Amino acid sequence: MTTLSIPALPASLELTALRQRLADAQGWENKNRTLVQLARDLPSLPEAFRTEDHRIQGCEARVWLYTDDQNGQIALWVDSDSRVVKGLLALVWSAYAGRSADEVRNFDFAALLQELGLSRFLSSSRVSGLSAIVRAIQRAV
């Protein structure tokens, strides 16, 4: 199997910075615009890895996940063909990248969505898709 050199998390996607940007964005229109901006900062997964082996089932949009263990910390790369979903994936990446297996298993992504004021704006199918992504990351550690 081919491995992939996973890029470092851009400063604009660090969890503290994301929390602040989304806290400052009031209402769905502004939060949605912020998510689209975040999507631009998330590096795209190379086409060679946009395969069914890396595709997450349970998402309406096409979503791909690549994970690797790097010295006891999870390295991951997520991508989607939907800009809003890719913005949500930026949150996933910032929440889980570089964490230990215990931190990955214990991180409450649903609580993060609630804290950021996003849960009330997300459809049940989008929440279900995000849950599928989080479960896939947790299984990978």
N, C-alpha and C. Protein backbone atom coordinates (compact mmCIF):
# COMPACT_ATOMS: atom_id res chain seq x y z
N MET A 1 0.83 -1.18 0.00
CA MET A 1 0.00 0.00 0.00
C MET A 1 0.88 1.24 0.00
N THR A 2 0.51 2.21 -0.81
CA THR A 2 1.23 3.46 -0.89
C THR A 2 0.90 4.33 0.32
N THR A 3 1.92 4.99 0.87
CA THR A 3 1.66 5.91 1.97
C THR A 3 1.65 7.33 1.43
N LEU A 4 1.14 8.20 2.23
CA LEU A 4 0.94 9.57 1.82
C LEU A 4 1.60 10.49 2.84
N SER A 5 2.32 11.48 2.37
CA SER A 5 2.91 12.46 3.26
C SER A 5 1.82 13.48 3.61
N ILE A 6 1.41 13.45 4.86
CA ILE A 6 0.29 14.29 5.29
C ILE A 6 0.80 15.68 5.65
N PRO A 7 0.15 16.71 5.11
CA PRO A 7 0.62 18.07 5.39
C PRO A 7 0.37 18.47 6.84
N ALA A 8 1.16 19.41 7.30
CA ALA A 8 0.96 19.96 8.65
C ALA A 8 -0.32 20.78 8.67
N LEU A 9 -0.91 20.87 9.83
CA LEU A 9 -2.13 21.64 10.00
C LEU A 9 -1.81 23.12 9.83
N PRO A 10 -2.47 23.79 8.87
CA PRO A 10 -2.23 25.24 8.72
C PRO A 10 -2.65 25.98 9.99
N ALA A 11 -1.98 27.07 10.30
CA ALA A 11 -2.30 27.85 11.50
C ALA A 11 -3.76 28.29 11.51
N SER A 12 -4.31 28.57 10.33
CA SER A 12 -5.70 29.02 10.24
C SER A 12 -6.68 27.92 10.64
N LEU A 13 -6.21 26.66 10.68
CA LEU A 13 -7.08 25.55 11.04
C LEU A 13 -6.79 24.98 12.43
N GLU A 14 -5.99 25.67 13.21
CA GLU A 14 -5.78 25.23 14.59
C GLU A 14 -7.09 25.40 15.35
N LEU A 15 -7.37 24.48 16.24
CA LEU A 15 -8.66 24.44 16.93
C LEU A 15 -9.00 25.75 17.64
N THR A 16 -8.02 26.37 18.27
CA THR A 16 -8.27 27.63 18.97
C THR A 16 -8.72 28.71 17.98
N ALA A 17 -8.04 28.78 16.84
CA ALA A 17 -8.39 29.78 15.82
C ALA A 17 -9.78 29.50 15.26
N LEU A 18 -10.09 28.23 15.01
CA LEU A 18 -11.41 27.87 14.48
C LEU A 18 -12.52 28.22 15.47
N ARG A 19 -12.27 27.93 16.72
CA ARG A 19 -13.27 28.26 17.75
C ARG A 19 -13.59 29.75 17.72
N GLN A 20 -12.55 30.56 17.62
CA GLN A 20 -12.76 32.01 17.63
C GLN A 20 -13.49 32.47 16.36
N ARG A 21 -13.06 31.97 15.20
CA ARG A 21 -13.70 32.39 13.95
C ARG A 21 -15.18 32.02 13.93
N LEU A 22 -15.51 30.83 14.38
CA LEU A 22 -16.92 30.41 14.36
C LEU A 22 -17.72 31.07 15.47
N ALA A 23 -17.09 31.40 16.58
CA ALA A 23 -17.79 32.12 17.64
C ALA A 23 -18.14 33.53 17.17
N ASP A 24 -17.25 34.13 16.39
CA ASP A 24 -17.48 35.47 15.88
C ASP A 24 -18.55 35.51 14.79
N ALA A 25 -18.76 34.40 14.11
CA ALA A 25 -19.74 34.33 13.02
C ALA A 25 -21.13 34.08 13.61
N GLN A 26 -21.98 35.07 13.55
CA GLN A 26 -23.32 34.96 14.12
C GLN A 26 -24.32 34.54 13.05
N GLY A 27 -25.17 33.56 13.35
CA GLY A 27 -26.20 33.10 12.42
C GLY A 27 -25.65 32.13 11.39
N TRP A 28 -26.57 31.36 10.79
CA TRP A 28 -26.16 30.32 9.85
C TRP A 28 -25.46 30.88 8.62
N GLU A 29 -25.93 31.99 8.08
CA GLU A 29 -25.32 32.53 6.87
C GLU A 29 -23.84 32.85 7.10
N ASN A 30 -23.53 33.47 8.21
CA ASN A 30 -22.13 33.80 8.51
C ASN A 30 -21.32 32.56 8.87
N LYS A 31 -21.90 31.63 9.60
CA LYS A 31 -21.19 30.38 9.93
C LYS A 31 -20.93 29.59 8.65
N ASN A 32 -21.93 29.54 7.76
CA ASN A 32 -21.77 28.83 6.50
C ASN A 32 -20.66 29.46 5.66
N ARG A 33 -20.62 30.77 5.60
CA ARG A 33 -19.57 31.48 4.87
C ARG A 33 -18.20 31.16 5.48
N THR A 34 -18.13 31.12 6.78
CA THR A 34 -16.87 30.77 7.47
C THR A 34 -16.44 29.35 7.13
N LEU A 35 -17.41 28.42 7.11
CA LEU A 35 -17.08 27.03 6.76
C LEU A 35 -16.52 26.94 5.34
N VAL A 36 -17.10 27.68 4.40
CA VAL A 36 -16.59 27.69 3.02
C VAL A 36 -15.17 28.25 2.98
N GLN A 37 -14.91 29.28 3.79
CA GLN A 37 -13.55 29.83 3.86
C GLN A 37 -12.58 28.80 4.44
N LEU A 38 -13.01 28.07 5.47
CA LEU A 38 -12.17 27.03 6.06
C LEU A 38 -11.85 25.94 5.05
N ALA A 39 -12.84 25.63 4.21
CA ALA A 39 -12.64 24.60 3.18
C ALA A 39 -11.49 24.96 2.26
N ARG A 40 -11.34 26.24 1.99
CA ARG A 40 -10.24 26.70 1.12
C ARG A 40 -8.87 26.46 1.76
N ASP A 41 -8.83 26.48 3.10
CA ASP A 41 -7.56 26.30 3.81
C ASP A 41 -7.17 24.83 3.98
N LEU A 42 -8.15 23.94 3.82
CA LEU A 42 -7.89 22.51 4.01
C LEU A 42 -7.29 21.94 2.73
N PRO A 43 -6.07 21.41 2.81
CA PRO A 43 -5.44 20.86 1.61
C PRO A 43 -6.27 19.72 1.01
N SER A 44 -6.30 19.65 -0.31
CA SER A 44 -7.04 18.60 -1.00
C SER A 44 -6.28 17.28 -0.97
N LEU A 45 -7.03 16.21 -0.81
CA LEU A 45 -6.44 14.87 -0.86
C LEU A 45 -6.09 14.57 -2.32
N PRO A 46 -4.89 14.08 -2.57
CA PRO A 46 -4.51 13.75 -3.95
C PRO A 46 -5.50 12.76 -4.58
N GLU A 47 -5.75 12.93 -5.86
CA GLU A 47 -6.71 12.09 -6.59
C GLU A 47 -6.44 10.60 -6.41
N ALA A 48 -5.18 10.21 -6.34
CA ALA A 48 -4.83 8.78 -6.21
C ALA A 48 -5.43 8.16 -4.95
N PHE A 49 -5.77 8.99 -3.95
CA PHE A 49 -6.32 8.48 -2.69
C PHE A 49 -7.82 8.71 -2.58
N ARG A 50 -8.42 9.27 -3.62
CA ARG A 50 -9.88 9.45 -3.64
C ARG A 50 -10.50 8.18 -4.21
N THR A 51 -10.35 7.11 -3.46
CA THR A 51 -10.82 5.80 -3.89
C THR A 51 -11.90 5.29 -2.94
N GLU A 52 -12.55 4.23 -3.34
CA GLU A 52 -13.57 3.62 -2.49
C GLU A 52 -12.97 3.11 -1.18
N ASP A 53 -11.71 2.71 -1.20
CA ASP A 53 -11.04 2.25 0.03
C ASP A 53 -10.98 3.35 1.09
N HIS A 54 -10.93 4.59 0.65
CA HIS A 54 -10.81 5.72 1.57
C HIS A 54 -12.11 6.50 1.72
N ARG A 55 -13.12 6.09 1.02
CA ARG A 55 -14.40 6.80 1.07
C ARG A 55 -15.18 6.41 2.32
N ILE A 56 -15.80 7.40 2.94
CA ILE A 56 -16.62 7.17 4.14
C ILE A 56 -18.05 6.93 3.71
N GLN A 57 -18.58 5.79 4.10
CA GLN A 57 -19.98 5.48 3.82
C GLN A 57 -20.85 6.14 4.88
N GLY A 58 -22.04 6.56 4.48
CA GLY A 58 -22.95 7.20 5.43
C GLY A 58 -23.00 8.70 5.28
N CYS A 59 -22.27 9.23 4.31
CA CYS A 59 -22.28 10.67 4.06
C CYS A 59 -23.00 10.92 2.73
N GLU A 60 -23.83 11.95 2.69
CA GLU A 60 -24.51 12.29 1.44
C GLU A 60 -23.51 12.79 0.41
N ALA A 61 -22.61 13.67 0.84
CA ALA A 61 -21.54 14.14 -0.05
C ALA A 61 -20.45 13.09 -0.06
N ARG A 62 -19.65 13.10 -1.10
CA ARG A 62 -18.52 12.17 -1.12
C ARG A 62 -17.43 12.70 -0.18
N VAL A 63 -16.99 11.83 0.73
CA VAL A 63 -15.98 12.18 1.73
C VAL A 63 -14.93 11.08 1.74
N TRP A 64 -13.67 11.50 1.77
CA TRP A 64 -12.56 10.55 1.84
C TRP A 64 -11.73 10.83 3.08
N LEU A 65 -11.21 9.75 3.66
CA LEU A 65 -10.40 9.85 4.87
C LEU A 65 -9.17 8.97 4.70
N TYR A 66 -8.02 9.53 5.00
CA TYR A 66 -6.77 8.78 5.03
C TYR A 66 -6.17 8.99 6.41
N THR A 67 -5.81 7.92 7.08
CA THR A 67 -5.20 8.03 8.41
C THR A 67 -3.87 7.28 8.45
N ASP A 68 -3.04 7.69 9.37
CA ASP A 68 -1.75 7.04 9.56
C ASP A 68 -1.32 7.28 11.00
N ASP A 69 -0.66 6.30 11.59
CA ASP A 69 -0.10 6.45 12.94
C ASP A 69 1.31 6.97 12.78
N GLN A 70 1.57 8.13 13.36
CA GLN A 70 2.91 8.70 13.30
C GLN A 70 3.40 8.91 14.73
N ASN A 71 4.19 7.94 15.17
CA ASN A 71 4.78 7.99 16.51
C ASN A 71 3.73 8.12 17.61
N GLY A 72 2.66 7.33 17.49
CA GLY A 72 1.64 7.32 18.52
C GLY A 72 0.59 8.42 18.41
N GLN A 73 0.69 9.22 17.38
CA GLN A 73 -0.30 10.26 17.15
C GLN A 73 -0.95 10.04 15.80
N ILE A 74 -2.26 10.35 15.73
CA ILE A 74 -2.95 10.15 14.47
C ILE A 74 -2.66 11.30 13.51
N ALA A 75 -2.32 10.91 12.31
CA ALA A 75 -2.20 11.87 11.22
C ALA A 75 -3.36 11.56 10.30
N LEU A 76 -4.03 12.58 9.84
CA LEU A 76 -5.16 12.31 8.96
C LEU A 76 -5.28 13.37 7.90
N TRP A 77 -5.99 12.97 6.84
CA TRP A 77 -6.27 13.84 5.73
C TRP A 77 -7.70 13.56 5.35
N VAL A 78 -8.52 14.58 5.30
CA VAL A 78 -9.94 14.44 4.95
C VAL A 78 -10.25 15.36 3.80
N ASP A 79 -11.21 14.95 2.98
CA ASP A 79 -11.57 15.76 1.82
C ASP A 79 -12.99 15.44 1.40
N SER A 80 -13.61 16.36 0.70
CA SER A 80 -14.96 16.18 0.19
C SER A 80 -15.12 16.98 -1.09
N ASP A 81 -16.12 16.58 -1.87
CA ASP A 81 -16.43 17.35 -3.08
C ASP A 81 -17.45 18.46 -2.79
N SER A 82 -17.88 18.59 -1.53
CA SER A 82 -18.80 19.64 -1.11
C SER A 82 -18.04 20.68 -0.28
N ARG A 83 -18.17 21.95 -0.62
CA ARG A 83 -17.44 23.01 0.10
C ARG A 83 -17.86 23.10 1.57
N VAL A 84 -19.15 23.05 1.85
CA VAL A 84 -19.60 23.16 3.24
C VAL A 84 -19.12 21.95 4.03
N VAL A 85 -19.25 20.76 3.45
CA VAL A 85 -18.78 19.56 4.14
C VAL A 85 -17.27 19.64 4.35
N LYS A 86 -16.55 20.13 3.35
CA LYS A 86 -15.10 20.26 3.50
C LYS A 86 -14.77 21.24 4.63
N GLY A 87 -15.57 22.28 4.80
CA GLY A 87 -15.39 23.19 5.93
C GLY A 87 -15.60 22.49 7.26
N LEU A 88 -16.62 21.62 7.32
CA LEU A 88 -16.85 20.82 8.53
C LEU A 88 -15.70 19.84 8.74
N LEU A 89 -15.14 19.34 7.65
CA LEU A 89 -13.99 18.43 7.76
C LEU A 89 -12.76 19.15 8.30
N ALA A 90 -12.67 20.46 8.04
CA ALA A 90 -11.58 21.24 8.64
C ALA A 90 -11.69 21.20 10.16
N LEU A 91 -12.93 21.22 10.66
CA LEU A 91 -13.13 21.08 12.11
C LEU A 91 -12.70 19.70 12.59
N VAL A 92 -13.07 18.68 11.83
CA VAL A 92 -12.68 17.31 12.17
C VAL A 92 -11.17 17.21 12.23
N TRP A 93 -10.52 17.74 11.21
CA TRP A 93 -9.06 17.66 11.14
C TRP A 93 -8.43 18.37 12.34
N SER A 94 -8.90 19.57 12.63
CA SER A 94 -8.29 20.31 13.73
C SER A 94 -8.58 19.66 15.09
N ALA A 95 -9.71 18.96 15.19
CA ALA A 95 -10.07 18.31 16.45
C ALA A 95 -9.26 17.04 16.70
N TYR A 96 -8.88 16.33 15.64
CA TYR A 96 -8.27 15.01 15.82
C TYR A 96 -6.81 14.88 15.39
N ALA A 97 -6.36 15.67 14.44
CA ALA A 97 -4.99 15.52 13.93
C ALA A 97 -3.97 15.74 15.03
N GLY A 98 -3.00 14.85 15.10
CA GLY A 98 -1.91 14.99 16.06
C GLY A 98 -2.23 14.52 17.46
N ARG A 99 -3.41 13.95 17.65
CA ARG A 99 -3.80 13.49 18.99
C ARG A 99 -3.42 12.01 19.18
N SER A 100 -3.29 11.63 20.43
CA SER A 100 -3.02 10.23 20.77
C SER A 100 -4.31 9.42 20.61
N ALA A 101 -4.18 8.11 20.64
CA ALA A 101 -5.35 7.23 20.52
C ALA A 101 -6.35 7.51 21.63
N ASP A 102 -5.88 7.69 22.85
CA ASP A 102 -6.79 7.99 23.97
C ASP A 102 -7.51 9.32 23.75
N GLU A 103 -6.79 10.33 23.29
CA GLU A 103 -7.41 11.63 23.04
C GLU A 103 -8.46 11.53 21.93
N VAL A 104 -8.16 10.75 20.90
CA VAL A 104 -9.12 10.57 19.80
C VAL A 104 -10.38 9.90 20.32
N ARG A 105 -10.21 8.84 21.10
CA ARG A 105 -11.37 8.11 21.62
C ARG A 105 -12.21 8.96 22.58
N ASN A 106 -11.58 9.87 23.30
CA ASN A 106 -12.28 10.64 24.33
C ASN A 106 -12.75 12.02 23.88
N PHE A 107 -12.38 12.44 22.67
CA PHE A 107 -12.79 13.77 22.21
C PHE A 107 -14.27 13.74 21.84
N ASP A 108 -15.03 14.70 22.33
CA ASP A 108 -16.47 14.77 22.08
C ASP A 108 -16.75 15.77 20.97
N PHE A 109 -16.80 15.26 19.74
CA PHE A 109 -17.00 16.13 18.58
C PHE A 109 -18.39 16.76 18.60
N ALA A 110 -19.40 16.04 19.05
CA ALA A 110 -20.75 16.59 19.13
C ALA A 110 -20.78 17.80 20.07
N ALA A 111 -20.03 17.73 21.17
CA ALA A 111 -19.96 18.86 22.10
C ALA A 111 -19.27 20.06 21.44
N LEU A 112 -18.26 19.79 20.60
CA LEU A 112 -17.60 20.88 19.88
C LEU A 112 -18.59 21.58 18.95
N LEU A 113 -19.38 20.80 18.21
CA LEU A 113 -20.38 21.39 17.32
C LEU A 113 -21.37 22.24 18.11
N GLN A 114 -21.75 21.75 19.27
CA GLN A 114 -22.68 22.49 20.14
C GLN A 114 -22.02 23.80 20.61
N GLU A 115 -20.79 23.69 21.08
CA GLU A 115 -20.06 24.86 21.57
C GLU A 115 -19.94 25.94 20.49
N LEU A 116 -19.73 25.51 19.25
CA LEU A 116 -19.54 26.45 18.15
C LEU A 116 -20.85 26.97 17.57
N GLY A 117 -21.96 26.48 18.10
CA GLY A 117 -23.26 26.93 17.62
C GLY A 117 -23.63 26.37 16.27
N LEU A 118 -23.03 25.23 15.91
CA LEU A 118 -23.31 24.64 14.60
C LEU A 118 -24.40 23.57 14.64
N SER A 119 -24.55 22.88 15.77
CA SER A 119 -25.47 21.73 15.81
C SER A 119 -26.89 22.09 15.40
N ARG A 120 -27.35 23.23 15.79
CA ARG A 120 -28.74 23.59 15.49
C ARG A 120 -28.95 23.88 14.01
N PHE A 121 -27.87 24.13 13.27
CA PHE A 121 -27.99 24.44 11.85
C PHE A 121 -27.77 23.23 10.95
N LEU A 122 -27.29 22.13 11.51
CA LEU A 122 -26.95 20.96 10.68
C LEU A 122 -28.12 20.01 10.59
N SER A 123 -28.37 19.51 9.38
CA SER A 123 -29.44 18.53 9.18
C SER A 123 -29.05 17.21 9.85
N SER A 124 -30.04 16.37 10.09
CA SER A 124 -29.75 15.08 10.73
C SER A 124 -28.86 14.23 9.83
N SER A 125 -29.01 14.34 8.51
CA SER A 125 -28.15 13.55 7.62
C SER A 125 -26.71 14.05 7.67
N ARG A 126 -26.51 15.36 7.84
CA ARG A 126 -25.15 15.89 7.94
C ARG A 126 -24.52 15.48 9.26
N VAL A 127 -25.28 15.51 10.35
CA VAL A 127 -24.78 15.07 11.66
C VAL A 127 -24.44 13.59 11.60
N SER A 128 -25.29 12.81 10.93
CA SER A 128 -25.03 11.37 10.77
C SER A 128 -23.74 11.13 9.99
N GLY A 129 -23.52 11.91 8.94
CA GLY A 129 -22.29 11.79 8.16
C GLY A 129 -21.06 12.14 8.97
N LEU A 130 -21.14 13.22 9.76
CA LEU A 130 -20.02 13.59 10.62
C LEU A 130 -19.74 12.51 11.66
N SER A 131 -20.80 11.92 12.18
CA SER A 131 -20.62 10.82 13.15
C SER A 131 -19.92 9.64 12.50
N ALA A 132 -20.25 9.35 11.24
CA ALA A 132 -19.59 8.25 10.52
C ALA A 132 -18.10 8.53 10.35
N ILE A 133 -17.76 9.78 10.09
CA ILE A 133 -16.35 10.17 9.92
C ILE A 133 -15.61 10.02 11.26
N VAL A 134 -16.21 10.50 12.33
CA VAL A 134 -15.58 10.41 13.65
C VAL A 134 -15.39 8.94 14.04
N ARG A 135 -16.40 8.11 13.79
CA ARG A 135 -16.26 6.67 14.10
C ARG A 135 -15.12 6.04 13.30
N ALA A 136 -14.99 6.42 12.04
CA ALA A 136 -13.91 5.88 11.20
C ALA A 136 -12.54 6.30 11.75
N ILE A 137 -12.43 7.51 12.22
CA ILE A 137 -11.17 7.99 12.81
C ILE A 137 -10.89 7.22 14.10
N GLN A 138 -11.92 7.03 14.91
CA GLN A 138 -11.73 6.31 16.18
C GLN A 138 -11.36 4.85 15.92
N ARG A 139 -11.91 4.24 14.89
CA ARG A 139 -11.54 2.86 14.54
C ARG A 139 -10.10 2.76 14.05
N ALA A 140 -9.60 3.84 13.48
CA ALA A 140 -8.25 3.83 12.91
C ALA A 140 -7.15 3.87 13.96
N VAL A 141 -7.50 4.28 15.19
CA VAL A 141 -6.45 4.39 16.22
C VAL A 141 -6.32 3.10 17.01
